[in-house]
PDB file of N, CA and C in Angstrom:
ATOM      1  N   MET A   1     104.610 110.300  93.739  1.00  0.00           N
ATOM      2  CA  MET A   1     104.933 108.959  93.303  1.00  0.00           C
ATOM      3  C   MET A   1     106.261 108.561  93.942  1.00  0.00           C
ATOM      4  N   ALA A   2     106.333 107.307  94.344  1.00  0.00           N
ATOM      5  CA  ALA A   2     107.531 106.791  95.001  1.00  0.00           C
ATOM      6  C   ALA A   2     108.087 105.614  94.216  1.00  0.00           C
ATOM      7  N   ASP A   3     109.383 105.402  94.302  1.00  0.00           N
ATOM      8  CA  ASP A   3     110.024 104.236  93.716  1.00  0.00           C
ATOM      9  C   ASP A   3     110.363 103.290  94.852  1.00  0.00           C
ATOM     10  N   VAL A   4     109.724 102.114  94.845  1.00  0.00           N
ATOM     11  CA  VAL A   4     109.923 101.120  95.896  1.00  0.00           C
ATOM     12  C   VAL A   4     109.940  99.725  95.288  1.00  0.00           C
ATOM     13  N   ARG A   5     110.226  98.760  96.122  1.00  0.00           N
ATOM     14  CA  ARG A   5     110.287  97.362  95.709  1.00  0.00           C
ATOM     15  C   ARG A   5     108.882  96.823  95.440  1.00  0.00           C
ATOM     16  N   CYS A   6     108.722  96.107  94.326  1.00  0.00           N
ATOM     17  CA  CYS A   6     107.456  95.455  93.994  1.00  0.00           C
ATOM     18  C   CYS A   6     107.697  93.953  93.896  1.00  0.00           C
ATOM     19  N   PRO A   7     107.142  93.162  94.817  1.00  0.00           N
ATOM     20  CA  PRO A   7     107.351  91.713  94.773  1.00  0.00           C
ATOM     21  C   PRO A   7     106.821  91.060  93.496  1.00  0.00           C
ATOM     22  N   ASN A   8     105.837  91.657  92.857  1.00  0.00           N
ATOM     23  CA  ASN A   8     105.296  91.083  91.622  1.00  0.00           C
ATOM     24  C   ASN A   8     106.231  91.299  90.441  1.00  0.00           C
ATOM     25  N   CYS A   9     106.813  92.482  90.349  1.00  0.00           N
ATOM     26  CA  CYS A   9     107.601  92.854  89.172  1.00  0.00           C
ATOM     27  C   CYS A   9     109.063  92.447  89.265  1.00  0.00           C
ATOM     28  N   LYS A  10     109.572  92.264  90.487  1.00  0.00           N
ATOM     29  CA  LYS A  10     110.984  91.929  90.708  1.00  0.00           C
ATOM     30  C   LYS A  10     111.878  93.025  90.123  1.00  0.00           C
ATOM     31  N   GLY A  11     113.143  92.779  90.092  1.00  0.00           N
ATOM     32  CA  GLY A  11     114.087  93.711  89.489  1.00  0.00           C
ATOM     33  C   GLY A  11     114.230  95.013  90.245  1.00  0.00           C
ATOM     34  N   PRO A  12     114.582  96.078  89.511  1.00  0.00           N
ATOM     35  CA  PRO A  12     114.836  97.374  90.157  1.00  0.00           C
ATOM     36  C   PRO A  12     113.562  97.970  90.758  1.00  0.00           C
ATOM     37  N   LEU A  13     113.748  99.025  91.505  1.00  0.00           N
ATOM     38  CA  LEU A  13     112.612  99.688  92.140  1.00  0.00           C
ATOM     39  C   LEU A  13     111.615 100.171  91.086  1.00  0.00           C
ATOM     40  N   LYS A  14     110.346 100.122  91.449  1.00  0.00           N
ATOM     41  CA  LYS A  14     109.269 100.487  90.529  1.00  0.00           C
ATOM     42  C   LYS A  14     108.536 101.716  91.038  1.00  0.00           C
ATOM     43  N   GLY A  15     107.858 102.399  90.134  1.00  0.00           N
ATOM     44  CA  GLY A  15     107.060 103.553  90.507  1.00  0.00           C
ATOM     45  C   GLY A  15     105.732 103.131  91.114  1.00  0.00           C
ATOM     46  N   PHE A  16     105.314 103.832  92.133  1.00  0.00           N
ATOM     47  CA  PHE A  16     104.026 103.596  92.786  1.00  0.00           C
ATOM     48  C   PHE A  16     103.276 104.914  92.866  1.00  0.00           C
ATOM     49  N   ARG A  17     101.950 104.850  92.846  1.00  0.00           N
ATOM     50  CA  ARG A  17     101.105 106.040  92.941  1.00  0.00           C
ATOM     51  C   ARG A  17     100.027 105.806  93.981  1.00  0.00           C
ATOM     52  N   ASP A  18      99.398 106.877  94.441  1.00  0.00           N
ATOM     53  CA  ASP A  18      98.290 106.755  95.386  1.00  0.00           C
ATOM     54  C   ASP A  18      97.132 106.007  94.729  1.00  0.00           C
ATOM     55  N   LEU A  19      96.295 105.408  95.544  1.00  0.00           N
ATOM     56  CA  LEU A  19      95.120 104.701  95.034  1.00  0.00           C
ATOM     57  C   LEU A  19      94.124 105.684  94.444  1.00  0.00           C
ATOM     58  N   GLU A  20      93.466 105.262  93.370  1.00  0.00           N
ATOM     59  CA  GLU A  20      92.393 106.058  92.785  1.00  0.00           C
ATOM     60  C   GLU A  20      91.088 105.707  93.497  1.00  0.00           C
ATOM     61  N   PRO A  21      90.113 106.602  93.488  1.00  0.00           N
ATOM     62  CA  PRO A  21      88.875 106.363  94.230  1.00  0.00           C
ATOM     63  C   PRO A  21      88.184 105.032  93.902  1.00  0.00           C
ATOM     64  N   ASP A  22      88.190 104.611  92.642  1.00  0.00           N
ATOM     65  CA  ASP A  22      87.523 103.355  92.282  1.00  0.00           C
ATOM     66  C   ASP A  22      88.291 102.120  92.753  1.00  0.00           C
ATOM     67  N   GLU A  23      89.560 102.271  93.121  1.00  0.00           N
ATOM     68  CA  GLU A  23      90.372 101.152  93.600  1.00  0.00           C
ATOM     69  C   GLU A  23      90.249 100.930  95.109  1.00  0.00           C
ATOM     70  N   ILE A  24      89.771 101.915  95.829  1.00  0.00           N
ATOM     71  CA  ILE A  24      89.757 101.854  97.290  1.00  0.00           C
ATOM     72  C   ILE A  24      88.928 100.694  97.839  1.00  0.00           C
ATOM     73  N   PRO A  25      87.675 100.469  97.388  1.00  0.00           N
ATOM     74  CA  PRO A  25      86.927  99.319  97.938  1.00  0.00           C
ATOM     75  C   PRO A  25      87.606  97.975  97.657  1.00  0.00           C
ATOM     76  N   ALA A  26      88.173  97.811  96.463  1.00  0.00           N
ATOM     77  CA  ALA A  26      88.869  96.562  96.130  1.00  0.00           C
ATOM     78  C   ALA A  26      90.132  96.407  96.967  1.00  0.00           C
ATOM     79  N   ALA A  27      90.826  97.492  97.212  1.00  0.00           N
ATOM     80  CA  ALA A  27      92.036  97.444  98.037  1.00  0.00           C
ATOM     81  C   ALA A  27      91.684  97.065  99.469  1.00  0.00           C
ATOM     82  N   GLU A  28      90.611  97.636  99.993  1.00  0.00           N
ATOM     83  CA  GLU A  28      90.189  97.307 101.357  1.00  0.00           C
ATOM     84  C   GLU A  28      89.857  95.824 101.477  1.00  0.00           C
ATOM     85  N   ALA A  29      89.154  95.282 100.503  1.00  0.00           N
ATOM     86  CA  ALA A  29      88.821  93.858 100.529  1.00  0.00           C
ATOM     87  C   ALA A  29      90.073  92.995 100.401  1.00  0.00           C
ATOM     88  N   ALA A  30      91.025  93.419  99.581  1.00  0.00           N
ATOM     89  CA  ALA A  30      92.233  92.627  99.353  1.00  0.00           C
ATOM     90  C   ALA A  30      93.121  92.546 100.587  1.00  0.00           C
ATOM     91  N   VAL A  31      93.222  93.621 101.358  1.00  0.00           N
ATOM     92  CA  VAL A  31      94.113  93.609 102.516  1.00  0.00           C
ATOM     93  C   VAL A  31      93.399  93.254 103.817  1.00  0.00           C
ATOM     94  N   SER A  32      92.104  93.056 103.774  1.00  0.00           N
ATOM     95  CA  SER A  32      91.359  92.754 105.000  1.00  0.00           C
ATOM     96  C   SER A  32      91.744  91.397 105.596  1.00  0.00           C
ATOM     97  N   GLN A  33      92.460  90.577 104.852  1.00  0.00           N
ATOM     98  CA  GLN A  33      92.888  89.268 105.352  1.00  0.00           C
ATOM     99  C   GLN A  33      94.009  89.384 106.379  1.00  0.00           C
ATOM    100  N   TYR A  34      94.692  90.520 106.415  1.00  0.00           N
ATOM    101  CA  TYR A  34      95.807  90.697 107.344  1.00  0.00           C
ATOM    102  C   TYR A  34      95.287  91.123 108.707  1.00  0.00           C
ATOM    103  N   PRO A  35      95.664  90.424 109.773  1.00  0.00           N
ATOM    104  CA  PRO A  35      95.149  90.744 111.113  1.00  0.00           C
ATOM    105  C   PRO A  35      95.334  92.201 111.515  1.00  0.00           C
ATOM    106  N   GLY A  36      96.474  92.780 111.243  1.00  0.00           N
ATOM    107  CA  GLY A  36      96.715  94.162 111.622  1.00  0.00           C
ATOM    108  C   GLY A  36      95.797  95.141 110.925  1.00  0.00           C
ATOM    109  N   GLU A  37      95.415  94.825 109.710  1.00  0.00           N
ATOM    110  CA  GLU A  37      94.519  95.696 108.953  1.00  0.00           C
ATOM    111  C   GLU A  37      93.060  95.408 109.284  1.00  0.00           C
ATOM    112  N   ARG A  38      92.761  94.194 109.615  1.00  0.00           N
ATOM    113  CA  ARG A  38      91.396  93.813 109.943  1.00  0.00           C
ATOM    114  C   ARG A  38      90.945  94.489 111.234  1.00  0.00           C
ATOM    115  N   ASP A  39      91.887  94.719 112.148  1.00  0.00           N
ATOM    116  CA  ASP A  39      91.563  95.295 113.444  1.00  0.00           C
ATOM    117  C   ASP A  39      91.461  96.817 113.416  1.00  0.00           C
ATOM    118  N   GLU A  40      91.903  97.443 112.338  1.00  0.00           N
ATOM    119  CA  GLU A  40      91.899  98.888 112.252  1.00  0.00           C
ATOM    120  C   GLU A  40      90.973  99.348 111.133  1.00  0.00           C
ATOM    121  N   HIS A  41      90.590 100.626 111.190  1.00  0.00           N
ATOM    122  CA  HIS A  41      89.837 101.234 110.103  1.00  0.00           C
ATOM    123  C   HIS A  41      90.761 101.350 108.894  1.00  0.00           C
ATOM    124  N   PHE A  42      90.306 100.912 107.731  1.00  0.00           N
ATOM    125  CA  PHE A  42      91.123 100.955 106.522  1.00  0.00           C
ATOM    126  C   PHE A  42      91.451 102.402 106.163  1.00  0.00           C
ATOM    127  N   ARG A  43      92.720 102.676 105.938  1.00  0.00           N
ATOM    128  CA  ARG A  43      93.183 104.011 105.573  1.00  0.00           C
ATOM    129  C   ARG A  43      93.789 103.952 104.167  1.00  0.00           C
ATOM    130  N   PRO A  44      93.037 104.368 103.147  1.00  0.00           N
ATOM    131  CA  PRO A  44      93.549 104.280 101.774  1.00  0.00           C
ATOM    132  C   PRO A  44      94.825 105.089 101.548  1.00  0.00           C
ATOM    133  N   GLN A  45      95.008 106.167 102.300  1.00  0.00           N
ATOM    134  CA  GLN A  45      96.210 106.986 102.116  1.00  0.00           C
ATOM    135  C   GLN A  45      97.484 106.269 102.578  1.00  0.00           C
ATOM    136  N   ALA A  46      97.334 105.152 103.283  1.00  0.00           N
ATOM    137  CA  ALA A  46      98.496 104.385 103.727  1.00  0.00           C
ATOM    138  C   ALA A  46      98.978 103.399 102.657  1.00  0.00           C
ATOM    139  N   TYR A  47      98.261 103.311 101.534  1.00  0.00           N
ATOM    140  CA  TYR A  47      98.586 102.354 100.472  1.00  0.00           C
ATOM    141  C   TYR A  47      98.894 103.069  99.169  1.00  0.00           C
ATOM    142  N   HIS A  48      99.643 102.384  98.322  1.00  0.00           N
ATOM    143  CA  HIS A  48      99.868 102.869  96.969  1.00  0.00           C
ATOM    144  C   HIS A  48      99.927 101.675  96.021  1.00  0.00           C
ATOM    145  N   ARG A  49      99.888 101.969  94.709  1.00  0.00           N
ATOM    146  CA  ARG A  49      99.802 100.926  93.695  1.00  0.00           C
ATOM    147  C   ARG A  49     100.956 101.037  92.705  1.00  0.00           C
ATOM    148  N   CYS A  50     101.440  99.875  92.296  1.00  0.00           N
ATOM    149  CA  CYS A  50     102.508  99.807  91.300  1.00  0.00           C
ATOM    150  C   CYS A  50     102.004 100.357  89.968  1.00  0.00           C
ATOM    151  N   THR A  51     102.870 101.096  89.265  1.00  0.00           N
ATOM    152  CA  THR A  51     102.479 101.703  87.987  1.00  0.00           C
ATOM    153  C   THR A  51     102.957 100.909  86.774  1.00  0.00           C
ATOM    154  N   GLU A  52     103.605  99.769  86.991  1.00  0.00           N
ATOM    155  CA  GLU A  52     104.044  98.953  85.851  1.00  0.00           C
ATOM    156  C   GLU A  52     102.818  98.418  85.108  1.00  0.00           C
ATOM    157  N   PRO A  53     102.824  98.437  83.775  1.00  0.00           N
ATOM    158  CA  PRO A  53     101.687  97.928  83.012  1.00  0.00           C
ATOM    159  C   PRO A  53     101.365  96.478  83.377  1.00  0.00           C
ATOM    160  N   GLY A  54     100.105  96.225  83.654  1.00  0.00           N
ATOM    161  CA  GLY A  54      99.647  94.884  83.986  1.00  0.00           C
ATOM    162  C   GLY A  54      99.794  94.484  85.442  1.00  0.00           C
ATOM    163  N   CYS A  55     100.495  95.259  86.239  1.00  0.00           N
ATOM    164  CA  CYS A  55     100.686  94.916  87.652  1.00  0.00           C
ATOM    165  C   CYS A  55      99.520  95.466  88.465  1.00  0.00           C
ATOM    166  N   ARG A  56      98.975  94.644  89.355  1.00  0.00           N
ATOM    167  CA  ARG A  56      97.842  95.027  90.195  1.00  0.00           C
ATOM    168  C   ARG A  56      98.241  95.121  91.663  1.00  0.00           C
ATOM    169  N   ARG A  57      99.523  95.195  91.958  1.00  0.00           N
ATOM    170  CA  ARG A  57     100.029  95.192  93.325  1.00  0.00           C
ATOM    171  C   ARG A  57      99.702  96.500  94.057  1.00  0.00           C
ATOM    172  N   ILE A  58      99.128  96.344  95.255  1.00  0.00           N
ATOM    173  CA  ILE A  58      98.984  97.452  96.190  1.00  0.00           C
ATOM    174  C   ILE A  58      99.752  97.059  97.441  1.00  0.00           C
ATOM    175  N   GLN A  59     100.336  98.038  98.114  1.00  0.00           N
ATOM    176  CA  GLN A  59     101.083  97.724  99.327  1.00  0.00           C
ATOM    177  C   GLN A  59     101.159  98.956 100.206  1.00  0.00           C
ATOM    178  N   ARG A  60     101.429  98.704 101.476  1.00  0.00           N
ATOM    179  CA  ARG A  60     101.553  99.818 102.427  1.00  0.00           C
ATOM    180  C   ARG A  60     102.757 100.664 102.055  1.00  0.00           C
ATOM    181  N   LYS A  61     102.630 101.942 102.246  1.00  0.00           N
ATOM    182  CA  LYS A  61     103.732 102.848 101.946  1.00  0.00           C
ATOM    183  C   LYS A  61     104.886 102.667 102.923  1.00  0.00           C
ATOM    184  N   ASP A  62     104.587 102.228 104.141  1.00  0.00           N
ATOM    185  CA  ASP A  62     105.628 102.083 105.151  1.00  0.00           C
ATOM    186  C   ASP A  62     106.139 100.650 105.306  1.00  0.00           C
ATOM    187  N   ASN A  63     105.598  99.700 104.512  1.00  0.00           N
ATOM    188  CA  ASN A  63     106.032  98.297 104.613  1.00  0.00           C
ATOM    189  C   ASN A  63     105.702  97.592 103.301  1.00  0.00           C
ATOM    190  N   TRP A  64     106.656  97.491 102.400  1.00  0.00           N
ATOM    191  CA  TRP A  64     106.385  96.917 101.082  1.00  0.00           C
ATOM    192  C   TRP A  64     105.994  95.442 101.145  1.00  0.00           C
ATOM    193  N   ARG A  65     106.273  94.772 102.245  1.00  0.00           N
ATOM    194  CA  ARG A  65     105.918  93.351 102.362  1.00  0.00           C
ATOM    195  C   ARG A  65     104.423  93.149 102.630  1.00  0.00           C
ATOM    196  N   LEU A  66     103.755  94.163 103.139  1.00  0.00           N
ATOM    197  CA  LEU A  66     102.329  94.072 103.454  1.00  0.00           C
ATOM    198  C   LEU A  66     101.537  94.620 102.280  1.00  0.00           C
ATOM    199  N   GLY A  67     100.975  93.728 101.498  1.00  0.00           N
ATOM    200  CA  GLY A  67     100.226  94.146 100.327  1.00  0.00           C
ATOM    201  C   GLY A  67      99.474  92.981  99.719  1.00  0.00           C
ATOM    202  N   ALA A  68      98.829  93.256  98.619  1.00  0.00           N
ATOM    203  CA  ALA A  68      98.013  92.254  97.937  1.00  0.00           C
ATOM    204  C   ALA A  68      97.835  92.695  96.488  1.00  0.00           C
ATOM    205  N   ASN A  69      97.132  91.883  95.730  1.00  0.00           N
ATOM    206  CA  ASN A  69      96.810  92.214  94.359  1.00  0.00           C
ATOM    207  C   ASN A  69      95.346  92.587  94.245  1.00  0.00           C
ATOM    208  N   LEU A  70      95.081  93.626  93.464  1.00  0.00           N
ATOM    209  CA  LEU A  70      93.705  93.973  93.167  1.00  0.00           C
ATOM    210  C   LEU A  70      93.118  92.888  92.268  1.00  0.00           C
ATOM    211  N   PRO A  71      91.799  92.725  92.274  1.00  0.00           N
ATOM    212  CA  PRO A  71      91.184  91.706  91.411  1.00  0.00           C
ATOM    213  C   PRO A  71      91.415  92.011  89.917  1.00  0.00           C
ATOM    214  N   GLU A  72      91.199  90.999  89.093  1.00  0.00           N
ATOM    215  CA  GLU A  72      91.284  91.179  87.636  1.00  0.00           C
ATOM    216  C   GLU A  72      90.403  92.351  87.229  1.00  0.00           C
ATOM    217  N   GLY A  73      90.813  93.084  86.236  1.00  0.00           N
ATOM    218  CA  GLY A  73      90.044  94.208  85.741  1.00  0.00           C
ATOM    219  C   GLY A  73      90.538  95.556  86.246  1.00  0.00           C
ATOM    220  N   PHE A  74      91.456  95.543  87.186  1.00  0.00           N
ATOM    221  CA  PHE A  74      92.006  96.814  87.682  1.00  0.00           C
ATOM    222  C   PHE A  74      93.358  97.079  87.079  1.00  0.00           C
TER     223      PHE A  74
END
């Protein structure tokens, strides 16, 4: 788990964890809008998810600005 910036939660650094298997298809669909990700094979290990309650933010481990929100229900 890493502590990084979460644009959704603001404030101090937040905890992030690796994606769970059921989140991977939704994460792939959420980030497919980005040209750099659309051109490459989706790599779930390159993403992690915010652990704050109610936050659905996923983002690249190497670039916190590149991310999206998982759909409702996650």
